[in-house]
Amino acid sequence: MEGNELRRRREALGLTLEEVAGLIGRAGPNRRQTISQWERGVKPIPAGDSERLLVAFRAEARRLSGLRRRLRSKLDLLTPRQRDVIVLRYGVENGTMRSLEDVARVLKVTRQAVAEIEEYAIKRIGAPQTARSGAEPPAPAGRGHT
C-alpha cells in the first residue's frame, strides 16, 4: 500500500490518524505523525504495517456496512431533517461519510446545528418508543432569558 492509497481509504472510512494507528496497534507519542508521514510519502509504509492496514480497513469497511444497513432500517423513525443529516454524515446511500462541515454546507446550516440534529437523531434511533413525537431538538435558549 502506498501513502496516497492509505489517505484515500482512511478518508473514505472517515477515520482519523489516531484511529488508523489504533487499528494496526501502533502505540507511542509519535503514532499520529508516523501515519501522516506515510500518507505524504515522507516515510515508506513497512510491509507488516501495510498488510495490517489492508486487513484493518477491510474489517472497518465491513463494520461500517453493517452499521449503514441498521441505520437504513431505522430512517423512518426520523424527521426529514434528521434523516438528511444521518444519510449524509454516515454515507447511508453512497458509502461516503461526510464531516460536520460538509453536511452543514450542503444543508445550509451551522456545524453546531448539524451536531445537535445528529445527536438528537441518534437518540431517536436508539429509543424508538420516544421517536413518534416527530419533534426537532429545542432551540437553544437565548441569553438573558430566565
N, C-alpha and C. Protein backbone atom coordinates (compact mmCIF):
# COMPACT_ATOMS: atom_id res chain seq x y z
N MET A 1 0.85 -1.18 0.00
CA MET A 1 0.00 0.00 0.00
C MET A 1 0.89 1.23 0.00
N GLU A 2 0.51 2.22 -0.76
CA GLU A 2 1.25 3.47 -0.81
C GLU A 2 0.52 4.55 -0.04
N GLY A 3 1.20 5.65 0.23
CA GLY A 3 0.66 6.72 1.04
C GLY A 3 -0.65 7.31 0.53
N ASN A 4 -0.73 7.55 -0.79
CA ASN A 4 -1.96 8.14 -1.32
C ASN A 4 -3.15 7.19 -1.17
N GLU A 5 -2.91 5.88 -1.28
CA GLU A 5 -3.99 4.91 -1.09
C GLU A 5 -4.39 4.86 0.39
N LEU A 6 -3.41 4.95 1.28
CA LEU A 6 -3.70 4.98 2.72
C LEU A 6 -4.61 6.16 3.03
N ARG A 7 -4.26 7.33 2.54
CA ARG A 7 -5.07 8.52 2.80
C ARG A 7 -6.48 8.38 2.21
N ARG A 8 -6.58 7.88 0.98
CA ARG A 8 -7.87 7.72 0.33
C ARG A 8 -8.76 6.77 1.13
N ARG A 9 -8.22 5.65 1.54
CA ARG A 9 -9.01 4.68 2.32
C ARG A 9 -9.39 5.24 3.68
N ARG A 10 -8.44 5.92 4.33
CA ARG A 10 -8.72 6.49 5.66
C ARG A 10 -9.85 7.51 5.56
N GLU A 11 -9.78 8.38 4.58
CA GLU A 11 -10.81 9.41 4.43
C GLU A 11 -12.15 8.80 4.03
N ALA A 12 -12.14 7.79 3.17
CA ALA A 12 -13.39 7.15 2.76
C ALA A 12 -14.10 6.49 3.95
N LEU A 13 -13.32 6.00 4.90
CA LEU A 13 -13.90 5.37 6.09
C LEU A 13 -14.17 6.39 7.20
N GLY A 14 -13.74 7.63 7.00
CA GLY A 14 -13.97 8.67 7.99
C GLY A 14 -13.12 8.49 9.24
N LEU A 15 -11.93 7.93 9.09
CA LEU A 15 -11.06 7.67 10.24
C LEU A 15 -10.04 8.80 10.43
N THR A 16 -9.68 9.03 11.68
CA THR A 16 -8.61 9.98 12.00
C THR A 16 -7.28 9.25 11.95
N LEU A 17 -6.19 10.00 11.98
CA LEU A 17 -4.86 9.39 12.03
C LEU A 17 -4.71 8.53 13.28
N GLU A 18 -5.23 9.02 14.40
CA GLU A 18 -5.18 8.27 15.66
C GLU A 18 -5.91 6.94 15.54
N GLU A 19 -7.08 6.97 14.91
CA GLU A 19 -7.86 5.74 14.76
C GLU A 19 -7.14 4.72 13.88
N VAL A 20 -6.49 5.20 12.82
CA VAL A 20 -5.72 4.29 11.96
C VAL A 20 -4.59 3.67 12.77
N ALA A 21 -3.90 4.47 13.54
CA ALA A 21 -2.81 3.94 14.37
C ALA A 21 -3.34 2.88 15.33
N GLY A 22 -4.49 3.13 15.93
CA GLY A 22 -5.09 2.17 16.84
C GLY A 22 -5.49 0.88 16.14
N LEU A 23 -5.99 0.98 14.91
CA LEU A 23 -6.42 -0.22 14.17
C LEU A 23 -5.27 -1.19 13.93
N ILE A 24 -4.06 -0.67 13.77
CA ILE A 24 -2.93 -1.56 13.50
C ILE A 24 -2.03 -1.74 14.72
N GLY A 25 -2.50 -1.25 15.87
CA GLY A 25 -1.75 -1.48 17.10
C GLY A 25 -0.52 -0.60 17.29
N ARG A 26 -0.47 0.50 16.59
CA ARG A 26 0.64 1.44 16.77
C ARG A 26 0.45 2.20 18.07
N ALA A 27 1.48 2.26 18.88
CA ALA A 27 1.40 2.99 20.14
C ALA A 27 2.53 4.02 20.17
N GLY A 28 2.49 4.83 21.18
CA GLY A 28 3.56 5.80 21.35
C GLY A 28 3.14 7.21 20.99
N PRO A 29 3.94 8.17 21.42
CA PRO A 29 3.57 9.57 21.24
C PRO A 29 3.64 10.04 19.78
N ASN A 30 4.38 9.35 18.92
CA ASN A 30 4.54 9.81 17.54
C ASN A 30 3.69 9.04 16.54
N ARG A 31 2.71 8.27 17.00
CA ARG A 31 1.94 7.43 16.08
C ARG A 31 1.17 8.24 15.05
N ARG A 32 0.60 9.35 15.46
CA ARG A 32 -0.15 10.19 14.52
C ARG A 32 0.79 10.76 13.45
N GLN A 33 1.95 11.22 13.89
CA GLN A 33 2.94 11.79 12.98
C GLN A 33 3.44 10.71 12.00
N THR A 34 3.62 9.49 12.47
CA THR A 34 4.08 8.41 11.61
C THR A 34 3.08 8.13 10.50
N ILE A 35 1.80 8.02 10.85
CA ILE A 35 0.76 7.75 9.84
C ILE A 35 0.72 8.90 8.84
N SER A 36 0.82 10.14 9.33
CA SER A 36 0.82 11.31 8.45
C SER A 36 2.00 11.27 7.49
N GLN A 37 3.18 10.87 7.98
CA GLN A 37 4.36 10.78 7.12
C GLN A 37 4.18 9.69 6.05
N TRP A 38 3.55 8.60 6.42
CA TRP A 38 3.26 7.55 5.44
C TRP A 38 2.35 8.10 4.34
N GLU A 39 1.30 8.82 4.76
CA GLU A 39 0.35 9.35 3.78
C GLU A 39 1.00 10.32 2.82
N ARG A 40 1.90 11.13 3.33
CA ARG A 40 2.56 12.14 2.50
C ARG A 40 3.73 11.57 1.71
N GLY A 41 4.07 10.31 1.94
CA GLY A 41 5.17 9.69 1.23
C GLY A 41 6.53 10.07 1.78
N VAL A 42 6.57 10.70 2.94
CA VAL A 42 7.84 11.08 3.56
C VAL A 42 8.58 9.83 4.03
N LYS A 43 7.83 8.87 4.56
CA LYS A 43 8.40 7.59 5.00
C LYS A 43 7.62 6.47 4.33
N PRO A 44 8.32 5.41 3.92
CA PRO A 44 7.60 4.27 3.34
C PRO A 44 6.85 3.50 4.43
N ILE A 45 5.76 2.89 4.04
CA ILE A 45 4.98 2.08 4.97
C ILE A 45 5.65 0.71 5.06
N PRO A 46 6.08 0.30 6.27
CA PRO A 46 6.69 -1.03 6.40
C PRO A 46 5.73 -2.12 5.93
N ALA A 47 6.26 -3.18 5.34
CA ALA A 47 5.44 -4.25 4.75
C ALA A 47 4.45 -4.82 5.77
N GLY A 48 4.89 -5.09 6.99
CA GLY A 48 4.00 -5.64 8.00
C GLY A 48 2.86 -4.70 8.34
N ASP A 49 3.16 -3.41 8.43
CA ASP A 49 2.12 -2.42 8.72
C ASP A 49 1.17 -2.28 7.53
N SER A 50 1.72 -2.38 6.32
CA SER A 50 0.89 -2.28 5.13
C SER A 50 -0.15 -3.40 5.10
N GLU A 51 0.29 -4.61 5.42
CA GLU A 51 -0.64 -5.75 5.46
C GLU A 51 -1.68 -5.57 6.55
N ARG A 52 -1.24 -5.11 7.73
CA ARG A 52 -2.18 -4.87 8.83
C ARG A 52 -3.20 -3.79 8.47
N LEU A 53 -2.74 -2.76 7.76
CA LEU A 53 -3.65 -1.70 7.33
C LEU A 53 -4.73 -2.24 6.38
N LEU A 54 -4.33 -3.05 5.43
CA LEU A 54 -5.30 -3.62 4.49
C LEU A 54 -6.36 -4.45 5.22
N VAL A 55 -5.91 -5.31 6.13
CA VAL A 55 -6.84 -6.15 6.89
C VAL A 55 -7.75 -5.28 7.75
N ALA A 56 -7.17 -4.27 8.42
CA ALA A 56 -7.95 -3.39 9.30
C ALA A 56 -8.97 -2.58 8.50
N PHE A 57 -8.59 -2.08 7.33
CA PHE A 57 -9.51 -1.30 6.52
C PHE A 57 -10.67 -2.17 6.01
N ARG A 58 -10.36 -3.40 5.63
CA ARG A 58 -11.44 -4.30 5.19
C ARG A 58 -12.42 -4.56 6.34
N ALA A 59 -11.87 -4.84 7.52
CA ALA A 59 -12.73 -5.10 8.69
C ALA A 59 -13.57 -3.88 9.03
N GLU A 60 -12.96 -2.70 8.97
CA GLU A 60 -13.69 -1.47 9.28
C GLU A 60 -14.77 -1.21 8.23
N ALA A 61 -14.48 -1.49 6.98
CA ALA A 61 -15.48 -1.31 5.92
C ALA A 61 -16.67 -2.25 6.15
N ARG A 62 -16.40 -3.50 6.56
CA ARG A 62 -17.50 -4.44 6.86
C ARG A 62 -18.32 -3.95 8.03
N ARG A 63 -17.64 -3.46 9.07
CA ARG A 63 -18.34 -2.96 10.26
C ARG A 63 -19.24 -1.78 9.88
N LEU A 64 -18.71 -0.85 9.10
CA LEU A 64 -19.50 0.31 8.69
C LEU A 64 -20.66 -0.10 7.78
N SER A 65 -20.44 -1.09 6.95
CA SER A 65 -21.52 -1.57 6.08
C SER A 65 -22.67 -2.10 6.93
N GLY A 66 -22.36 -2.84 7.97
CA GLY A 66 -23.39 -3.33 8.88
C GLY A 66 -24.11 -2.20 9.59
N LEU A 67 -23.35 -1.20 10.02
CA LEU A 67 -23.96 -0.03 10.67
C LEU A 67 -24.89 0.69 9.70
N ARG A 68 -24.45 0.85 8.46
CA ARG A 68 -25.28 1.54 7.46
C ARG A 68 -26.57 0.78 7.21
N ARG A 69 -26.48 -0.56 7.15
CA ARG A 69 -27.69 -1.37 6.96
C ARG A 69 -28.66 -1.16 8.11
N ARG A 70 -28.14 -1.16 9.33
CA ARG A 70 -29.00 -0.95 10.50
C ARG A 70 -29.59 0.46 10.49
N LEU A 71 -28.78 1.45 10.10
CA LEU A 71 -29.28 2.82 10.02
C LEU A 71 -30.40 2.94 8.99
N ARG A 72 -30.18 2.34 7.81
CA ARG A 72 -31.21 2.39 6.76
C ARG A 72 -32.55 1.85 7.26
N SER A 73 -32.50 0.80 8.05
CA SER A 73 -33.74 0.18 8.53
C SER A 73 -34.47 1.06 9.55
N LYS A 74 -33.79 2.07 10.09
CA LYS A 74 -34.41 2.91 11.11
C LYS A 74 -34.65 4.35 10.67
N LEU A 75 -34.35 4.65 9.42
CA LEU A 75 -34.51 6.03 8.95
C LEU A 75 -35.94 6.53 9.04
N ASP A 76 -36.90 5.63 8.96
CA ASP A 76 -38.31 6.07 9.01
C ASP A 76 -38.70 6.58 10.40
N LEU A 77 -37.86 6.38 11.40
CA LEU A 77 -38.14 6.90 12.74
C LEU A 77 -37.76 8.38 12.87
N LEU A 78 -37.07 8.90 11.85
CA LEU A 78 -36.52 10.25 11.94
C LEU A 78 -37.35 11.26 11.15
N THR A 79 -37.21 12.52 11.54
CA THR A 79 -37.80 13.60 10.77
C THR A 79 -37.00 13.74 9.47
N PRO A 80 -37.55 14.41 8.47
CA PRO A 80 -36.80 14.57 7.21
C PRO A 80 -35.43 15.23 7.43
N ARG A 81 -35.35 16.24 8.28
CA ARG A 81 -34.07 16.91 8.52
C ARG A 81 -33.07 15.97 9.19
N GLN A 82 -33.53 15.23 10.19
CA GLN A 82 -32.66 14.27 10.87
C GLN A 82 -32.18 13.20 9.87
N ARG A 83 -33.09 12.75 9.03
CA ARG A 83 -32.74 11.73 8.03
C ARG A 83 -31.66 12.28 7.10
N ASP A 84 -31.82 13.51 6.64
CA ASP A 84 -30.81 14.11 5.75
C ASP A 84 -29.44 14.13 6.42
N VAL A 85 -29.40 14.53 7.67
CA VAL A 85 -28.12 14.61 8.40
C VAL A 85 -27.49 13.23 8.51
N ILE A 86 -28.25 12.23 8.92
CA ILE A 86 -27.72 10.89 9.12
C ILE A 86 -27.26 10.28 7.79
N VAL A 87 -28.06 10.45 6.75
CA VAL A 87 -27.69 9.90 5.43
C VAL A 87 -26.39 10.52 4.94
N LEU A 88 -26.24 11.83 5.09
CA LEU A 88 -25.02 12.49 4.63
C LEU A 88 -23.82 12.17 5.52
N ARG A 89 -24.00 12.25 6.83
CA ARG A 89 -22.88 12.04 7.76
C ARG A 89 -22.32 10.63 7.67
N TYR A 90 -23.19 9.63 7.57
CA TYR A 90 -22.74 8.24 7.65
C TYR A 90 -22.71 7.52 6.31
N GLY A 91 -22.94 8.23 5.22
CA GLY A 91 -22.85 7.63 3.90
C GLY A 91 -23.83 6.50 3.69
N VAL A 92 -25.02 6.65 4.24
CA VAL A 92 -26.01 5.58 4.19
C VAL A 92 -26.36 5.20 2.75
N GLU A 93 -26.41 6.16 1.86
CA GLU A 93 -26.80 5.87 0.47
C GLU A 93 -25.62 5.56 -0.44
N ASN A 94 -24.51 6.29 -0.28
CA ASN A 94 -23.41 6.10 -1.22
C ASN A 94 -22.11 5.60 -0.59
N GLY A 95 -22.11 5.38 0.71
CA GLY A 95 -20.91 4.84 1.37
C GLY A 95 -19.85 5.87 1.69
N THR A 96 -20.09 7.13 1.35
CA THR A 96 -19.10 8.18 1.62
C THR A 96 -19.54 9.00 2.82
N MET A 97 -18.76 8.92 3.88
CA MET A 97 -19.07 9.68 5.09
C MET A 97 -18.62 11.12 4.88
N ARG A 98 -19.34 12.05 5.50
CA ARG A 98 -19.00 13.47 5.38
C ARG A 98 -18.77 14.08 6.74
N SER A 99 -17.96 15.11 6.77
CA SER A 99 -17.68 15.82 8.01
C SER A 99 -18.88 16.69 8.39
N LEU A 100 -18.88 17.15 9.63
CA LEU A 100 -19.92 18.08 10.07
C LEU A 100 -19.95 19.31 9.17
N GLU A 101 -18.77 19.80 8.81
CA GLU A 101 -18.67 21.00 7.98
C GLU A 101 -19.28 20.76 6.61
N ASP A 102 -19.01 19.60 6.01
CA ASP A 102 -19.57 19.30 4.70
C ASP A 102 -21.09 19.23 4.75
N VAL A 103 -21.62 18.54 5.76
CA VAL A 103 -23.07 18.42 5.89
C VAL A 103 -23.69 19.80 6.11
N ALA A 104 -23.06 20.61 6.95
CA ALA A 104 -23.57 21.96 7.21
C ALA A 104 -23.62 22.78 5.92
N ARG A 105 -22.60 22.65 5.10
CA ARG A 105 -22.55 23.39 3.83
C ARG A 105 -23.69 22.92 2.90
N VAL A 106 -23.90 21.62 2.80
CA VAL A 106 -24.95 21.08 1.94
C VAL A 106 -26.33 21.52 2.41
N LEU A 107 -26.56 21.45 3.72
CA LEU A 107 -27.88 21.77 4.27
C LEU A 107 -28.07 23.25 4.59
N LYS A 108 -27.00 24.04 4.41
CA LYS A 108 -27.03 25.48 4.65
C LYS A 108 -27.43 25.82 6.09
N VAL A 109 -26.77 25.12 7.03
CA VAL A 109 -26.94 25.39 8.45
C VAL A 109 -25.54 25.43 9.08
N THR A 110 -25.48 25.72 10.35
CA THR A 110 -24.19 25.77 11.03
C THR A 110 -23.72 24.36 11.39
N ARG A 111 -22.42 24.24 11.61
CA ARG A 111 -21.83 22.98 12.04
C ARG A 111 -22.47 22.53 13.35
N GLN A 112 -22.69 23.47 14.25
CA GLN A 112 -23.30 23.18 15.54
C GLN A 112 -24.71 22.63 15.37
N ALA A 113 -25.47 23.19 14.44
CA ALA A 113 -26.83 22.71 14.19
C ALA A 113 -26.80 21.26 13.70
N VAL A 114 -25.85 20.95 12.82
CA VAL A 114 -25.72 19.57 12.34
C VAL A 114 -25.40 18.64 13.50
N ALA A 115 -24.48 19.05 14.37
CA ALA A 115 -24.10 18.21 15.51
C ALA A 115 -25.30 17.95 16.42
N GLU A 116 -26.10 18.98 16.66
CA GLU A 116 -27.28 18.84 17.52
C GLU A 116 -28.33 17.94 16.88
N ILE A 117 -28.58 18.13 15.60
CA ILE A 117 -29.57 17.31 14.89
C ILE A 117 -29.10 15.85 14.88
N GLU A 118 -27.81 15.64 14.63
CA GLU A 118 -27.24 14.30 14.62
C GLU A 118 -27.41 13.63 15.98
N GLU A 119 -27.09 14.35 17.03
CA GLU A 119 -27.21 13.81 18.38
C GLU A 119 -28.66 13.42 18.68
N TYR A 120 -29.58 14.27 18.32
CA TYR A 120 -31.00 14.00 18.55
C TYR A 120 -31.45 12.79 17.75
N ALA A 121 -31.00 12.71 16.50
CA ALA A 121 -31.38 11.59 15.63
C ALA A 121 -30.86 10.27 16.18
N ILE A 122 -29.64 10.27 16.66
CA ILE A 122 -29.06 9.04 17.22
C ILE A 122 -29.84 8.61 18.45
N LYS A 123 -30.25 9.57 19.26
CA LYS A 123 -31.06 9.23 20.43
C LYS A 123 -32.40 8.62 20.00
N ARG A 124 -32.99 9.17 18.96
CA ARG A 124 -34.28 8.65 18.47
C ARG A 124 -34.14 7.23 17.97
N ILE A 125 -33.11 6.97 17.22
CA ILE A 125 -32.89 5.63 16.68
C ILE A 125 -32.66 4.63 17.81
N GLY A 126 -32.00 5.07 18.85
CA GLY A 126 -31.71 4.18 19.97
C GLY A 126 -32.88 4.01 20.91
N ALA A 127 -33.86 4.90 20.85
CA ALA A 127 -35.02 4.84 21.75
C ALA A 127 -36.29 5.02 20.93
N PRO A 128 -36.70 3.98 20.16
CA PRO A 128 -37.84 4.14 19.27
C PRO A 128 -39.16 4.45 19.96
N GLN A 129 -39.30 4.13 21.25
CA GLN A 129 -40.56 4.42 21.93
C GLN A 129 -40.81 5.92 22.03
N THR A 130 -39.77 6.76 21.98
CA THR A 130 -39.95 8.20 22.03
C THR A 130 -39.86 8.83 20.65
N ALA A 131 -39.63 8.03 19.62
CA ALA A 131 -39.41 8.56 18.29
C ALA A 131 -40.70 8.98 17.60
N ARG A 132 -41.84 8.72 18.17
CA ARG A 132 -43.10 9.03 17.50
C ARG A 132 -43.48 10.50 17.59
N SER A 133 -42.83 11.23 18.47
CA SER A 133 -43.23 12.62 18.68
C SER A 133 -42.99 13.49 17.46
N GLY A 134 -41.92 13.20 16.68
CA GLY A 134 -41.63 13.98 15.48
C GLY A 134 -41.03 15.33 15.77
N ALA A 135 -40.71 15.61 17.02
CA ALA A 135 -40.20 16.93 17.38
C ALA A 135 -38.72 17.05 17.06
N GLU A 136 -38.33 18.21 16.61
CA GLU A 136 -36.92 18.54 16.42
C GLU A 136 -36.36 18.96 17.77
N PRO A 137 -35.05 19.02 17.91
CA PRO A 137 -34.48 19.46 19.17
C PRO A 137 -34.93 20.88 19.50
N PRO A 138 -35.08 21.19 20.78
CA PRO A 138 -35.49 22.55 21.14
C PRO A 138 -34.42 23.55 20.73
N ALA A 139 -34.87 24.74 20.39
CA ALA A 139 -33.92 25.79 20.03
C ALA A 139 -33.13 26.19 21.27
N PRO A 140 -31.85 26.52 21.10
CA PRO A 140 -31.05 26.93 22.26
C PRO A 140 -31.67 28.16 22.89
N ALA A 141 -31.62 28.19 24.21
CA ALA A 141 -32.19 29.34 24.94
C ALA A 141 -31.32 30.57 24.69
N GLY A 142 -31.96 31.69 24.53
CA GLY A 142 -31.23 32.92 24.31
C GLY A 142 -30.64 33.45 25.61
N ARG A 143 -29.65 34.28 25.48
CA ARG A 143 -29.05 34.87 26.67
C ARG A 143 -30.02 35.86 27.33
N GLY A 144 -29.98 35.84 28.62
CA GLY A 144 -30.78 36.79 29.35
C GLY A 144 -32.19 36.31 29.67
N HIS A 145 -32.59 35.17 29.12
CA HIS A 145 -33.90 34.62 29.44
C HIS A 145 -33.82 33.75 30.67
N THR A 146 -34.83 33.83 31.52
CA THR A 146 -34.82 33.02 32.74
C THR A 146 -36.01 32.10 32.76
